[in-house]
Amino acid sequence: MKKKFTTTIDDELIKKAKIIAIEKEISVAELIEISLKEYFKKIGK
């Protein structure tokens, strides 16, 4: 199940995330989800 999540992020990070998402043809939400999963895997959580 997915839930809506609202937060505040640095403008430059948002710009970079949008560019990468466009390049990968995914949404920014998908990019954030992938990034979080990779981070949690990296730290063993």
Protein backbone atom coordinates (compact mmCIF):
# COMPACT_ATOMS: atom_id res chain seq x y z
CA MET A 1 0.00 0.00 0.00
CA LYS A 2 1.27 3.47 -0.81
CA LYS A 3 0.59 6.57 1.26
CA LYS A 4 0.96 10.24 0.45
CA PHE A 5 4.02 11.77 2.14
CA THR A 6 4.76 15.49 2.27
CA THR A 7 8.10 16.98 3.27
CA THR A 8 10.42 19.91 2.66
CA ILE A 9 13.61 19.39 0.64
CA ASP A 10 16.35 21.74 -0.56
CA ASP A 11 15.54 23.42 -3.90
CA GLU A 12 18.70 22.13 -5.58
CA LEU A 13 17.93 18.53 -4.57
CA ILE A 14 14.44 18.86 -6.02
CA LYS A 15 15.83 20.20 -9.31
CA LYS A 16 18.36 17.35 -9.54
CA ALA A 17 15.70 14.77 -8.66
CA LYS A 18 13.38 16.09 -11.39
CA ILE A 19 16.16 15.97 -13.99
CA ILE A 20 17.18 12.42 -13.06
CA ALA A 21 13.54 11.26 -12.98
CA ILE A 22 12.99 12.67 -16.48
CA GLU A 23 16.16 10.99 -17.75
CA LYS A 24 15.08 7.64 -16.26
CA GLU A 25 11.45 8.14 -17.36
CA ILE A 26 10.12 7.66 -13.82
CA SER A 27 8.37 9.95 -11.37
CA VAL A 28 10.20 11.83 -8.64
CA ALA A 29 8.21 9.74 -6.14
CA GLU A 30 9.56 6.55 -7.72
CA LEU A 31 13.09 7.97 -7.65
CA ILE A 32 12.76 8.79 -3.95
CA GLU A 33 11.33 5.34 -3.20
CA ILE A 34 14.18 3.61 -5.06
CA SER A 35 16.73 5.80 -3.30
CA LEU A 36 15.29 5.09 0.14
CA LYS A 37 15.20 1.34 -0.51
CA GLU A 38 18.85 1.40 -1.62
CA TYR A 39 19.84 3.48 1.41
CA PHE A 40 18.04 1.17 3.85
CA LYS A 41 19.65 -1.87 2.19
CA LYS A 42 23.07 -0.19 2.47
CA ILE A 43 22.68 0.48 6.20
CA GLY A 44 21.14 -2.94 6.86
CA LYS A 45 17.61 -1.92 7.76
